[in-house]
Amino acid sequence: MKRLMTTAALTVLATPALAHPGDHHEVSGWAEAVQHLLGSPFHLALVAGAIVLGFGVLKVRGSRRQVKKR
């Protein structure tokens, strides 16, 4: 588990290399940031992937807890 968390943390640190081209000077506040995130297919894919990954992690952790209780 520690190896998985270390790998995940290092992957998150490397994400600026995966950034899409374009300028982000128009993003100056929360409203503009939300509009930018929800208006870009690239960002929507990342948000959807994060949600799916989060539910998957919760499901795996929940099933492991049930196994330990038995």
C-alpha atoms as a PDB file:
ATOM      1  CA  MET A   1       0.000   0.000   0.000  1.00  0.00           C
ATOM      2  CA  LYS A   2       2.870   2.380   0.802  1.00  0.00           C
ATOM      3  CA  ARG A   3       4.353   1.733  -2.622  1.00  0.00           C
ATOM      4  CA  LEU A   4       1.017   2.539  -4.273  1.00  0.00           C
ATOM      5  CA  MET A   5       0.666   5.804  -2.356  1.00  0.00           C
ATOM      6  CA  THR A   6       4.251   6.809  -3.179  1.00  0.00           C
ATOM      7  CA  THR A   7       3.675   6.081  -6.858  1.00  0.00           C
ATOM      8  CA  ALA A   8       0.427   8.069  -6.826  1.00  0.00           C
ATOM      9  CA  ALA A   9       2.114  11.038  -5.151  1.00  0.00           C
ATOM     10  CA  LEU A  10       4.984  11.033  -7.648  1.00  0.00           C
ATOM     11  CA  THR A  11       2.524  10.798 -10.530  1.00  0.00           C
ATOM     12  CA  VAL A  12       0.625  13.840  -9.255  1.00  0.00           C
ATOM     13  CA  LEU A  13       3.876  15.783  -9.075  1.00  0.00           C
ATOM     14  CA  ALA A  14       4.585  14.968 -12.735  1.00  0.00           C
ATOM     15  CA  THR A  15       1.221  16.229 -14.058  1.00  0.00           C
ATOM     16  CA  PRO A  16       2.452  19.669 -15.206  1.00  0.00           C
ATOM     17  CA  ALA A  17       4.219  17.843 -18.032  1.00  0.00           C
ATOM     18  CA  LEU A  18       0.799  16.627 -19.203  1.00  0.00           C
ATOM     19  CA  ALA A  19      -0.722  20.113 -19.339  1.00  0.00           C
ATOM     20  CA  HIS A  20      -2.602  21.094 -22.459  1.00  0.00           C
ATOM     21  CA  PRO A  21      -1.341  23.960 -24.608  1.00  0.00           C
ATOM     22  CA  GLY A  22      -2.818  27.387 -24.091  1.00  0.00           C
ATOM     23  CA  ASP A  23      -2.633  30.403 -21.903  1.00  0.00           C
ATOM     24  CA  HIS A  24      -4.352  30.565 -18.504  1.00  0.00           C
ATOM     25  CA  HIS A  25      -4.130  34.320 -17.902  1.00  0.00           C
ATOM     26  CA  GLU A  26      -7.907  34.664 -18.168  1.00  0.00           C
ATOM     27  CA  VAL A  27      -8.329  32.498 -15.047  1.00  0.00           C
ATOM     28  CA  SER A  28      -8.135  35.008 -12.208  1.00  0.00           C
ATOM     29  CA  GLY A  29     -10.776  33.852  -9.717  1.00  0.00           C
ATOM     30  CA  TRP A  30     -12.919  30.935  -8.633  1.00  0.00           C
ATOM     31  CA  ALA A  31     -15.693  31.625 -11.139  1.00  0.00           C
ATOM     32  CA  GLU A  32     -13.271  31.776 -14.057  1.00  0.00           C
ATOM     33  CA  ALA A  33     -11.480  28.640 -12.836  1.00  0.00           C
ATOM     34  CA  VAL A  34     -14.738  26.657 -12.649  1.00  0.00           C
ATOM     35  CA  GLN A  35     -15.804  27.927 -16.053  1.00  0.00           C
ATOM     36  CA  HIS A  36     -12.425  26.960 -17.494  1.00  0.00           C
ATOM     37  CA  LEU A  37     -12.541  23.478 -15.960  1.00  0.00           C
ATOM     38  CA  LEU A  38     -16.098  22.735 -17.043  1.00  0.00           C
ATOM     39  CA  GLY A  39     -15.729  24.299 -20.490  1.00  0.00           C
ATOM     40  CA  SER A  40     -12.744  22.252 -21.617  1.00  0.00           C
ATOM     41  CA  PRO A  41     -13.093  18.633 -22.806  1.00  0.00           C
ATOM     42  CA  PHE A  42      -9.558  17.950 -21.569  1.00  0.00           C
ATOM     43  CA  HIS A  43     -10.410  19.057 -18.049  1.00  0.00           C
ATOM     44  CA  LEU A  44     -13.771  17.290 -18.071  1.00  0.00           C
ATOM     45  CA  ALA A  45     -12.009  14.031 -18.929  1.00  0.00           C
ATOM     46  CA  LEU A  46      -9.603  14.516 -16.026  1.00  0.00           C
ATOM     47  CA  VAL A  47     -12.430  15.302 -13.596  1.00  0.00           C
ATOM     48  CA  ALA A  48     -14.427  12.277 -14.778  1.00  0.00           C
ATOM     49  CA  GLY A  49     -11.362  10.057 -14.437  1.00  0.00           C
ATOM     50  CA  ALA A  50     -10.699  11.325 -10.911  1.00  0.00           C
ATOM     51  CA  ILE A  51     -14.310  10.642  -9.907  1.00  0.00           C
ATOM     52  CA  VAL A  52     -14.225   7.107 -11.329  1.00  0.00           C
ATOM     53  CA  LEU A  53     -10.874   6.429  -9.654  1.00  0.00           C
ATOM     54  CA  GLY A  54     -12.172   7.779  -6.341  1.00  0.00           C
ATOM     55  CA  PHE A  55     -15.254   5.544  -6.410  1.00  0.00           C
ATOM     56  CA  GLY A  56     -13.063   2.575  -7.317  1.00  0.00           C
ATOM     57  CA  VAL A  57     -10.752   3.204  -4.365  1.00  0.00           C
ATOM     58  CA  LEU A  58     -13.717   3.574  -2.013  1.00  0.00           C
ATOM     59  CA  LYS A  59     -15.229   0.320  -3.272  1.00  0.00           C
ATOM     60  CA  VAL A  60     -11.979  -1.603  -2.824  1.00  0.00           C
ATOM     61  CA  ARG A  61     -11.428  -0.193   0.659  1.00  0.00           C
ATOM     62  CA  GLY A  62     -15.037  -0.959   1.631  1.00  0.00           C
ATOM     63  CA  SER A  63     -14.787  -4.552   0.444  1.00  0.00           C
ATOM     64  CA  ARG A  64     -11.528  -5.024   2.388  1.00  0.00           C
ATOM     65  CA  ARG A  65     -13.176  -3.740   5.574  1.00  0.00           C
ATOM     66  CA  GLN A  66     -16.045  -6.214   5.193  1.00  0.00           C
ATOM     67  CA  VAL A  67     -13.589  -9.082   4.746  1.00  0.00           C
ATOM     68  CA  LYS A  68     -11.700  -8.060   7.915  1.00  0.00           C
ATOM     69  CA  LYS A  69     -14.946  -7.957   9.962  1.00  0.00           C
ATOM     70  CA  ARG A  70     -15.765 -11.594   9.180  1.00  0.00           C
END
